[in-house]
C-alpha atoms as a PDB file:
ATOM      1  CA  MET A   1     -10.092  16.789  18.899  1.00  0.00           C
ATOM      2  CA  GLN A   2      -9.600  18.924  22.008  1.00  0.00           C
ATOM      3  CA  HIS A   3      -8.845  22.365  21.088  1.00  0.00           C
ATOM      4  CA  THR A   4      -6.645  22.556  24.155  1.00  0.00           C
ATOM      5  CA  ARG A   5      -4.196  20.047  22.244  1.00  0.00           C
ATOM      6  CA  GLN A   6      -0.782  21.795  21.538  1.00  0.00           C
ATOM      7  CA  ILE A   7       0.313  21.132  17.843  1.00  0.00           C
ATOM      8  CA  ALA A   8       3.807  21.690  16.264  1.00  0.00           C
ATOM      9  CA  VAL A   9       4.346  21.767  12.730  1.00  0.00           C
ATOM     10  CA  ILE A  10       8.205  21.384  12.071  1.00  0.00           C
ATOM     11  CA  GLY A  11       8.945  22.808   8.416  1.00  0.00           C
ATOM     12  CA  ALA A  12       6.039  25.156   7.125  1.00  0.00           C
ATOM     13  CA  GLY A  13       6.389  24.945   3.510  1.00  0.00           C
ATOM     14  CA  ALA A  14       3.343  24.200   1.228  1.00  0.00           C
ATOM     15  CA  MET A  15       2.489  20.797   2.839  1.00  0.00           C
ATOM     16  CA  GLY A  16       2.991  22.525   6.318  1.00  0.00           C
ATOM     17  CA  GLY A  17       0.957  25.383   5.504  1.00  0.00           C
ATOM     18  CA  ALA A  18      -1.470  23.157   4.277  1.00  0.00           C
ATOM     19  CA  PHE A  19      -1.937  21.270   7.347  1.00  0.00           C
ATOM     20  CA  ILE A  20      -1.985  24.545   9.217  1.00  0.00           C
ATOM     21  CA  ALA A  21      -4.597  26.004   7.166  1.00  0.00           C
ATOM     22  CA  GLY A  22      -6.794  22.727   7.078  1.00  0.00           C
ATOM     23  CA  LEU A  23      -6.282  22.186  11.259  1.00  0.00           C
ATOM     24  CA  LEU A  24      -7.650  25.996  11.732  1.00  0.00           C
ATOM     25  CA  ALA A  25     -10.412  25.898   8.920  1.00  0.00           C
ATOM     26  CA  ARG A  26     -11.850  23.015  10.715  1.00  0.00           C
ATOM     27  CA  GLU A  27     -11.442  24.281  14.015  1.00  0.00           C
ATOM     28  CA  LEU A  28      -9.388  21.043  15.338  1.00  0.00           C
ATOM     29  CA  VAL A  29      -7.293  23.377  17.174  1.00  0.00           C
ATOM     30  CA  HIS A  30      -7.092  27.255  18.370  1.00  0.00           C
ATOM     31  CA  ALA A  31      -4.368  29.060  16.587  1.00  0.00           C
ATOM     32  CA  THR A  32      -2.639  30.004  20.205  1.00  0.00           C
ATOM     33  CA  HIS A  33      -2.162  26.192  20.448  1.00  0.00           C
ATOM     34  CA  LEU A  34      -0.513  25.783  17.231  1.00  0.00           C
ATOM     35  CA  VAL A  35       3.353  26.697  16.654  1.00  0.00           C
ATOM     36  CA  ALA A  36       5.008  26.281  13.159  1.00  0.00           C
ATOM     37  CA  THR A  37       8.612  26.326  12.751  1.00  0.00           C
ATOM     38  CA  ASP A  38      10.439  27.659   9.459  1.00  0.00           C
ATOM     39  CA  VAL A  39      13.973  28.850   8.910  1.00  0.00           C
ATOM     40  CA  ARG A  40      12.946  31.634   6.753  1.00  0.00           C
ATOM     41  CA  PRO A  41      11.636  34.943   8.583  1.00  0.00           C
ATOM     42  CA  GLU A  42       9.496  36.162   5.956  1.00  0.00           C
ATOM     43  CA  ARG A  43       7.348  32.798   6.074  1.00  0.00           C
ATOM     44  CA  ARG A  44       7.320  33.051   9.576  1.00  0.00           C
ATOM     45  CA  ALA A  45       5.863  36.729   9.605  1.00  0.00           C
ATOM     46  CA  GLU A  46       3.286  35.531   6.607  1.00  0.00           C
ATOM     47  CA  LEU A  47       2.121  32.483   8.834  1.00  0.00           C
ATOM     48  CA  ALA A  48       1.666  34.624  11.951  1.00  0.00           C
ATOM     49  CA  ALA A  49      -0.184  37.449   9.985  1.00  0.00           C
ATOM     50  CA  GLN A  50      -2.524  35.135   8.247  1.00  0.00           C
ATOM     51  CA  HIS A  51      -3.285  32.830  10.904  1.00  0.00           C
ATOM     52  CA  GLY A  52      -2.470  34.378  14.260  1.00  0.00           C
ATOM     53  CA  ILE A  53      -0.242  30.895  14.995  1.00  0.00           C
ATOM     54  CA  VAL A  54       3.084  31.110  16.953  1.00  0.00           C
ATOM     55  CA  THR A  55       5.767  30.622  14.894  1.00  0.00           C
ATOM     56  CA  THR A  56       9.699  29.853  15.515  1.00  0.00           C
ATOM     57  CA  ALA A  57      13.072  29.040  14.177  1.00  0.00           C
ATOM     58  CA  ASP A  58      13.553  26.897  16.852  1.00  0.00           C
ATOM     59  CA  ASN A  59      12.423  23.342  16.569  1.00  0.00           C
ATOM     60  CA  ARG A  60      13.305  21.770  19.812  1.00  0.00           C
ATOM     61  CA  ALA A  61      11.304  24.599  21.463  1.00  0.00           C
ATOM     62  CA  ALA A  62       8.497  23.910  19.120  1.00  0.00           C
ATOM     63  CA  VAL A  63       8.235  20.332  20.053  1.00  0.00           C
ATOM     64  CA  GLN A  64       8.491  20.299  24.075  1.00  0.00           C
ATOM     65  CA  ALA A  65       4.860  21.113  24.668  1.00  0.00           C
ATOM     66  CA  ALA A  66       3.165  19.398  21.629  1.00  0.00           C
ATOM     67  CA  ASP A  67       0.579  16.423  21.738  1.00  0.00           C
ATOM     68  CA  LEU A  68       1.198  16.145  17.991  1.00  0.00           C
ATOM     69  CA  ILE A  69       3.872  16.940  15.837  1.00  0.00           C
ATOM     70  CA  ILE A  70       3.921  17.232  12.064  1.00  0.00           C
ATOM     71  CA  LEU A  71       7.053  16.562  10.484  1.00  0.00           C
ATOM     72  CA  ALA A  72       6.928  18.455   7.204  1.00  0.00           C
ATOM     73  CA  ILE A  73      10.868  18.712   6.337  1.00  0.00           C
ATOM     74  CA  LYS A  74      12.732  17.948   3.001  1.00  0.00           C
ATOM     75  CA  PRO A  75      14.048  14.430   3.152  1.00  0.00           C
ATOM     76  CA  GLN A  76      17.475  15.700   2.897  1.00  0.00           C
ATOM     77  CA  LEU A  77      17.295  17.582   6.283  1.00  0.00           C
ATOM     78  CA  VAL A  78      16.175  14.365   8.166  1.00  0.00           C
ATOM     79  CA  THR A  79      19.295  13.315   9.433  1.00  0.00           C
ATOM     80  CA  SER A  80      20.347  16.695  10.508  1.00  0.00           C
ATOM     81  CA  VAL A  81      17.103  17.875  12.145  1.00  0.00           C
ATOM     82  CA  LEU A  82      15.339  15.182  13.865  1.00  0.00           C
ATOM     83  CA  PRO A  83      18.546  14.002  16.080  1.00  0.00           C
ATOM     84  CA  LEU A  84      18.054  17.342  17.714  1.00  0.00           C
ATOM     85  CA  LEU A  85      14.903  16.888  18.816  1.00  0.00           C
ATOM     86  CA  ARG A  86      15.914  13.261  20.453  1.00  0.00           C
ATOM     87  CA  GLY A  87      14.788  13.545  24.196  1.00  0.00           C
ATOM     88  CA  LEU A  88      12.401  16.404  23.707  1.00  0.00           C
ATOM     89  CA  LEU A  89       9.262  14.829  22.805  1.00  0.00           C
ATOM     90  CA  LYS A  90       6.416  14.057  25.507  1.00  0.00           C
ATOM     91  CA  PRO A  91       5.964  10.436  25.943  1.00  0.00           C
ATOM     92  CA  ASP A  92       2.324  10.271  24.765  1.00  0.00           C
ATOM     93  CA  ALA A  93       3.044  12.877  22.114  1.00  0.00           C
ATOM     94  CA  VAL A  94       2.452  11.275  18.338  1.00  0.00           C
ATOM     95  CA  CYS A  95       4.832  11.998  15.295  1.00  0.00           C
ATOM     96  CA  LEU A  96       3.078  12.278  12.205  1.00  0.00           C
ATOM     97  CA  SER A  97       5.605  12.595   9.169  1.00  0.00           C
ATOM     98  CA  ILE A  98       4.869  13.058   5.883  1.00  0.00           C
ATOM     99  CA  ILE A  99       8.782  13.253   4.921  1.00  0.00           C
ATOM    100  CA  ALA A 100       8.825  11.522   1.354  1.00  0.00           C
ATOM    101  CA  GLY A 101      10.682   7.944   1.847  1.00  0.00           C
ATOM    102  CA  THR A 102      11.276   8.051   5.587  1.00  0.00           C
ATOM    103  CA  ARG A 103      10.316   4.645   6.951  1.00  0.00           C
ATOM    104  CA  MET A 104       9.004   4.430  10.459  1.00  0.00           C
ATOM    105  CA  GLN A 105      11.615   2.543  11.741  1.00  0.00           C
ATOM    106  CA  THR A 106      14.231   5.307  10.544  1.00  0.00           C
ATOM    107  CA  LEU A 107      11.844   8.006  12.390  1.00  0.00           C
ATOM    108  CA  HIS A 108      11.875   5.825  15.799  1.00  0.00           C
ATOM    109  CA  ASP A 109      15.607   5.438  15.819  1.00  0.00           C
ATOM    110  CA  LEU A 110      16.414   9.121  15.099  1.00  0.00           C
ATOM    111  CA  LEU A 111      14.084  10.590  17.642  1.00  0.00           C
ATOM    112  CA  ASP A 112      14.127   7.683  20.173  1.00  0.00           C
ATOM    113  CA  HIS A 113      10.277   8.212  20.009  1.00  0.00           C
ATOM    114  CA  ALA A 114       7.646   5.200  19.714  1.00  0.00           C
ATOM    115  CA  PRO A 115       4.367   6.608  18.676  1.00  0.00           C
ATOM    116  CA  VAL A 116       5.276   7.465  14.802  1.00  0.00           C
ATOM    117  CA  VAL A 117       2.880   7.698  12.058  1.00  0.00           C
ATOM    118  CA  ARG A 118       3.948   7.776   8.240  1.00  0.00           C
ATOM    119  CA  CYS A 119       1.587   9.642   5.754  1.00  0.00           C
ATOM    120  CA  MET A 120       1.883  10.354   2.072  1.00  0.00           C
ATOM    121  CA  PRO A 121      -0.680  13.408   1.464  1.00  0.00           C
ATOM    122  CA  ASN A 122      -0.425  15.190  -2.033  1.00  0.00           C
ATOM    123  CA  THR A 123      -0.642  18.857  -2.923  1.00  0.00           C
ATOM    124  CA  PRO A 124      -4.338  19.092  -3.396  1.00  0.00           C
ATOM    125  CA  ALA A 125      -4.545  19.123   0.094  1.00  0.00           C
ATOM    126  CA  THR A 126      -3.518  22.703   0.095  1.00  0.00           C
ATOM    127  CA  VAL A 127      -7.491  23.032  -0.940  1.00  0.00           C
ATOM    128  CA  GLY A 128      -8.883  20.777   1.146  1.00  0.00           C
ATOM    129  CA  ALA A 129      -9.263  18.320  -2.015  1.00  0.00           C
ATOM    130  CA  GLY A 130      -5.961  16.172  -0.612  1.00  0.00           C
ATOM    131  CA  MET A 131      -5.780  12.077  -0.664  1.00  0.00           C
ATOM    132  CA  SER A 132      -3.657  11.015   1.879  1.00  0.00           C
ATOM    133  CA  VAL A 133      -2.340   7.304   2.976  1.00  0.00           C
ATOM    134  CA  TRP A 134      -1.064   6.435   6.258  1.00  0.00           C
ATOM    135  CA  THR A 135      -0.105   3.805   8.542  1.00  0.00           C
ATOM    136  CA  CYS A 136       1.359   3.730  12.124  1.00  0.00           C
ATOM    137  CA  ALA A 137       3.602   2.004  14.489  1.00  0.00           C
ATOM    138  CA  PRO A 138       1.944  -0.734  17.006  1.00  0.00           C
ATOM    139  CA  THR A 139       2.722   1.455  19.573  1.00  0.00           C
ATOM    140  CA  VAL A 140       0.338   4.205  18.562  1.00  0.00           C
ATOM    141  CA  THR A 141      -3.020   4.291  20.486  1.00  0.00           C
ATOM    142  CA  PRO A 142      -6.390   4.157  19.310  1.00  0.00           C
ATOM    143  CA  GLU A 143      -6.996   7.575  20.281  1.00  0.00           C
ATOM    144  CA  GLN A 144      -3.613   8.759  18.597  1.00  0.00           C
ATOM    145  CA  ARG A 145      -5.006   7.068  15.564  1.00  0.00           C
ATOM    146  CA  ASP A 146      -8.441   8.809  15.973  1.00  0.00           C
ATOM    147  CA  LEU A 147      -6.481  12.267  16.229  1.00  0.00           C
ATOM    148  CA  THR A 148      -4.267  11.320  13.134  1.00  0.00           C
ATOM    149  CA  GLN A 149      -7.485  10.802  11.133  1.00  0.00           C
ATOM    150  CA  GLN A 150      -9.223  13.798  12.367  1.00  0.00           C
ATOM    151  CA  VAL A 151      -6.067  15.809  11.244  1.00  0.00           C
ATOM    152  CA  LEU A 152      -5.837  14.188   7.870  1.00  0.00           C
ATOM    153  CA  GLN A 153      -9.685  14.611   6.893  1.00  0.00           C
ATOM    154  CA  ALA A 154      -9.266  18.098   7.502  1.00  0.00           C
ATOM    155  CA  LEU A 155      -7.056  18.114   4.182  1.00  0.00           C
ATOM    156  CA  GLY A 156      -9.333  15.943   2.118  1.00  0.00           C
ATOM    157  CA  LYS A 157      -9.906  12.210   2.080  1.00  0.00           C
ATOM    158  CA  GLU A 158      -7.415   9.625   3.803  1.00  0.00           C
ATOM    159  CA  ALA A 159      -6.895   5.793   3.367  1.00  0.00           C
ATOM    160  CA  TYR A 160      -5.404   3.825   6.271  1.00  0.00           C
ATOM    161  CA  VAL A 161      -3.060   0.776   5.444  1.00  0.00           C
ATOM    162  CA  GLU A 162      -1.863  -2.019   7.649  1.00  0.00           C
ATOM    163  CA  HIS A 163       1.454  -2.380   5.820  1.00  0.00           C
ATOM    164  CA  GLU A 164       4.135   0.206   5.357  1.00  0.00           C
ATOM    165  CA  HIS A 165       5.352  -0.860   1.827  1.00  0.00           C
ATOM    166  CA  TYR A 166       2.187   0.367   0.265  1.00  0.00           C
ATOM    167  CA  LEU A 167       3.534   3.927   1.185  1.00  0.00           C
ATOM    168  CA  ASP A 168       5.761   3.636  -1.199  1.00  0.00           C
ATOM    169  CA  MET A 169       3.103   2.661  -3.857  1.00  0.00           C
ATOM    170  CA  ALA A 170       0.786   5.427  -2.730  1.00  0.00           C
ATOM    171  CA  THR A 171       3.701   7.881  -3.498  1.00  0.00           C
ATOM    172  CA  ALA A 172       4.041   6.760  -6.961  1.00  0.00           C
ATOM    173  CA  VAL A 173       0.077   7.143  -7.779  1.00  0.00           C
ATOM    174  CA  SER A 174      -1.392   9.610  -5.241  1.00  0.00           C
ATOM    175  CA  GLY A 175       1.675  11.533  -4.013  1.00  0.00           C
ATOM    176  CA  SER A 176       3.263  12.107  -7.206  1.00  0.00           C
ATOM    177  CA  GLY A 177      -0.069  11.755  -9.297  1.00  0.00           C
ATOM    178  CA  PRO A 178      -0.923  15.246  -9.374  1.00  0.00           C
ATOM    179  CA  ALA A 179       2.015  16.232 -11.697  1.00  0.00           C
ATOM    180  CA  TYR A 180       1.101  13.322 -14.021  1.00  0.00           C
ATOM    181  CA  VAL A 181      -2.722  15.185 -13.991  1.00  0.00           C
ATOM    182  CA  PHE A 182      -1.145  18.631 -14.493  1.00  0.00           C
ATOM    183  CA  LEU A 183       1.151  17.326 -17.626  1.00  0.00           C
ATOM    184  CA  VAL A 184      -2.090  15.993 -19.152  1.00  0.00           C
ATOM    185  CA  LEU A 185      -3.850  19.006 -18.429  1.00  0.00           C
ATOM    186  CA  GLU A 186      -0.935  21.213 -19.953  1.00  0.00           C
ATOM    187  CA  ALA A 187      -0.898  18.952 -22.762  1.00  0.00           C
ATOM    188  CA  LEU A 188      -4.755  19.128 -23.355  1.00  0.00           C
ATOM    189  CA  ILE A 189      -4.534  23.060 -23.232  1.00  0.00           C
ATOM    190  CA  ASP A 190      -1.576  23.339 -25.686  1.00  0.00           C
ATOM    191  CA  ALA A 191      -3.473  20.662 -28.322  1.00  0.00           C
ATOM    192  CA  GLY A 192      -6.474  22.995 -28.104  1.00  0.00           C
ATOM    193  CA  VAL A 193      -4.374  25.935 -28.928  1.00  0.00           C
ATOM    194  CA  GLN A 194      -2.234  24.603 -31.837  1.00  0.00           C
ATOM    195  CA  ILE A 195      -5.800  23.422 -33.498  1.00  0.00           C
ATOM    196  CA  GLY A 196      -6.811  27.048 -33.325  1.00  0.00           C
ATOM    197  CA  LEU A 197      -8.482  27.741 -29.798  1.00  0.00           C
ATOM    198  CA  PRO A 198      -7.577  31.234 -27.970  1.00  0.00           C
ATOM    199  CA  ARG A 199      -5.557  30.095 -25.004  1.00  0.00           C
ATOM    200  CA  PRO A 200      -7.640  31.231 -22.399  1.00  0.00           C
ATOM    201  CA  LEU A 201     -10.453  29.390 -23.952  1.00  0.00           C
ATOM    202  CA  ALA A 202      -8.402  26.415 -24.317  1.00  0.00           C
ATOM    203  CA  GLU A 203      -7.551  26.667 -20.740  1.00  0.00           C
ATOM    204  CA  GLN A 204     -11.434  26.808 -19.439  1.00  0.00           C
ATOM    205  CA  LEU A 205     -12.283  23.903 -21.532  1.00  0.00           C
ATOM    206  CA  ALA A 206      -9.778  21.432 -20.476  1.00  0.00           C
ATOM    207  CA  GLN A 207      -9.582  22.592 -16.835  1.00  0.00           C
ATOM    208  CA  GLN A 208     -13.494  22.072 -16.689  1.00  0.00           C
ATOM    209  CA  THR A 209     -13.678  19.072 -18.750  1.00  0.00           C
ATOM    210  CA  MET A 210     -10.940  17.276 -16.501  1.00  0.00           C
ATOM    211  CA  TYR A 211     -12.775  18.548 -13.247  1.00  0.00           C
ATOM    212  CA  GLY A 212     -16.210  17.394 -14.414  1.00  0.00           C
ATOM    213  CA  ALA A 213     -15.024  13.705 -15.749  1.00  0.00           C
ATOM    214  CA  LEU A 214     -13.314  13.104 -12.327  1.00  0.00           C
ATOM    215  CA  VAL A 215     -16.587  14.516 -10.241  1.00  0.00           C
ATOM    216  CA  TYR A 216     -18.243  12.242 -12.890  1.00  0.00           C
ATOM    217  CA  ALA A 217     -16.468   9.042 -12.418  1.00  0.00           C
ATOM    218  CA  GLN A 218     -16.622   9.618  -8.493  1.00  0.00           C
ATOM    219  CA  ASP A 219     -20.263   9.926  -8.283  1.00  0.00           C
ATOM    220  CA  SER A 220     -21.292   7.082 -11.092  1.00  0.00           C
ATOM    221  CA  ARG A 221     -18.874   4.636  -9.246  1.00  0.00           C
ATOM    222  CA  GLN A 222     -18.503   2.790 -12.806  1.00  0.00           C
ATOM    223  CA  HIS A 223     -15.394   1.535 -14.317  1.00  0.00           C
ATOM    224  CA  PRO A 224     -13.661   4.124 -16.116  1.00  0.00           C
ATOM    225  CA  ALA A 225     -13.809   1.877 -19.168  1.00  0.00           C
ATOM    226  CA  LEU A 226     -17.525   2.090 -19.181  1.00  0.00           C
ATOM    227  CA  LEU A 227     -17.592   5.803 -19.093  1.00  0.00           C
ATOM    228  CA  ARG A 228     -15.068   5.845 -21.819  1.00  0.00           C
ATOM    229  CA  ASN A 229     -17.249   3.705 -24.006  1.00  0.00           C
ATOM    230  CA  ALA A 230     -20.167   5.720 -23.261  1.00  0.00           C
ATOM    231  CA  VAL A 231     -18.940   8.702 -24.934  1.00  0.00           C
ATOM    232  CA  THR A 232     -17.323   6.892 -27.823  1.00  0.00           C
ATOM    233  CA  SER A 233     -19.209   6.248 -30.817  1.00  0.00           C
ATOM    234  CA  PRO A 234     -18.257   4.101 -33.597  1.00  0.00           C
ATOM    235  CA  GLY A 235     -16.667   6.165 -36.285  1.00  0.00           C
ATOM    236  CA  GLY A 236     -16.492   9.223 -34.402  1.00  0.00           C
ATOM    237  CA  THR A 237     -14.532  12.042 -33.245  1.00  0.00           C
ATOM    238  CA  THR A 238     -13.616  10.247 -29.799  1.00  0.00           C
ATOM    239  CA  ALA A 239     -12.758   7.140 -31.203  1.00  0.00           C
ATOM    240  CA  ALA A 240     -10.247   8.641 -33.524  1.00  0.00           C
ATOM    241  CA  GLY A 241      -9.117  10.480 -30.814  1.00  0.00           C
ATOM    242  CA  LEU A 242      -8.515   7.469 -28.455  1.00  0.00           C
ATOM    243  CA  TYR A 243      -6.709   5.607 -31.553  1.00  0.00           C
ATOM    244  CA  ALA A 244      -4.007   8.325 -31.675  1.00  0.00           C
ATOM    245  CA  LEU A 245      -3.627   8.091 -27.952  1.00  0.00           C
ATOM    246  CA  GLU A 246      -3.546   4.154 -28.426  1.00  0.00           C
ATOM    247  CA  GLN A 247      -0.767   4.560 -30.954  1.00  0.00           C
ATOM    248  CA  GLY A 248       1.219   6.946 -28.694  1.00  0.00           C
ATOM    249  CA  ALA A 249       1.166   3.872 -26.041  1.00  0.00           C
ATOM    250  CA  VAL A 250      -0.185   6.298 -23.457  1.00  0.00           C
ATOM    251  CA  ARG A 251      -1.370   3.242 -21.206  1.00  0.00           C
ATOM    252  CA  ALA A 252       2.248   1.976 -21.277  1.00  0.00           C
ATOM    253  CA  ALA A 253       3.823   5.687 -20.453  1.00  0.00           C
ATOM    254  CA  PHE A 254       1.673   5.778 -17.448  1.00  0.00           C
ATOM    255  CA  ALA A 255       2.879   2.363 -16.558  1.00  0.00           C
ATOM    256  CA  ALA A 256       6.425   3.069 -16.924  1.00  0.00           C
ATOM    257  CA  CYS A 257       5.634   6.683 -15.045  1.00  0.00           C
ATOM    258  CA  VAL A 258       4.168   4.911 -12.057  1.00  0.00           C
ATOM    259  CA  GLN A 259       6.888   2.150 -11.733  1.00  0.00           C
ATOM    260  CA  ALA A 260       9.760   4.654 -12.316  1.00  0.00           C
ATOM    261  CA  ALA A 261       8.183   6.850  -9.168  1.00  0.00           C
ATOM    262  CA  TYR A 262       7.649   3.672  -7.056  1.00  0.00           C
ATOM    263  CA  GLN A 263      11.574   2.498  -7.677  1.00  0.00           C
ATOM    264  CA  ARG A 264      12.612   6.112  -6.500  1.00  0.00           C
ATOM    265  CA  SER A 265      10.414   6.082  -3.647  1.00  0.00           C
ATOM    266  CA  GLN A 266      12.047   2.907  -2.535  1.00  0.00           C
ATOM    267  CA  GLU A 267      15.573   4.162  -3.279  1.00  0.00           C
ATOM    268  CA  LEU A 268      15.013   6.838  -0.957  1.00  0.00           C
ATOM    269  CA  GLY A 269      13.649   4.963   1.678  1.00  0.00           C
ATOM    270  CA  ASN A 270      16.607   2.857   1.485  1.00  0.00           C
ATOM    271  CA  GLN A 271      18.871   5.814   1.839  1.00  0.00           C
ATOM    272  CA  SER A 272      17.261   7.124   4.999  1.00  0.00           C
END
């Protein structure tokens, strides 16, 4: 990415802040060429002090010189914020939206702007370990696609999909997925405490076990069932624990969880 590119982040909350930190850490943009907007004065002051970037409450001023506009506002603000930017974007600017449930056609209609990218990142992006799934309009040029890919790689891993309907599915799996993992982590910690472990030790054991298991799964490239079977001895402690989980219909619970999140993502898209 050229360091002379101007980038605007519209909505500098948790995810907007992750983009800012990732772009600067990877040296994909100079701090003086990055502007972030937020309605909260304290948040603007925090970002300016932490990163040395330009901050403002004026979305219209922020986008006018930008080559890349990252839209990171809340879904309920789409119809009030985006129309105010209509006609202000440079023709060759690309809009990268991480607004949940907001489809590319909606972005195009509200902004009257053709080069739009829709992306679903997740919160581990704040520590450079995110998973972003994205697609783009046919009007997005190869150069703009390369730019988008570089930006998303600054947050972790990325996957491009041809069809937009996969974004709703990705929202249910990777977008909302960290919350499911946190719930499992919390339950494992509490279960350890319930049998008598001190909470700090239970937290350490559960966190490192989940982290290690995920790294092992990625590195081994084996099916999870094979990895599970490898640590399950006949009549052993793991077999007993897994049997209890199966009795609790944990698989069905996850299936219902993802299905509910997927349906909700579709509903949000239909409302936008």
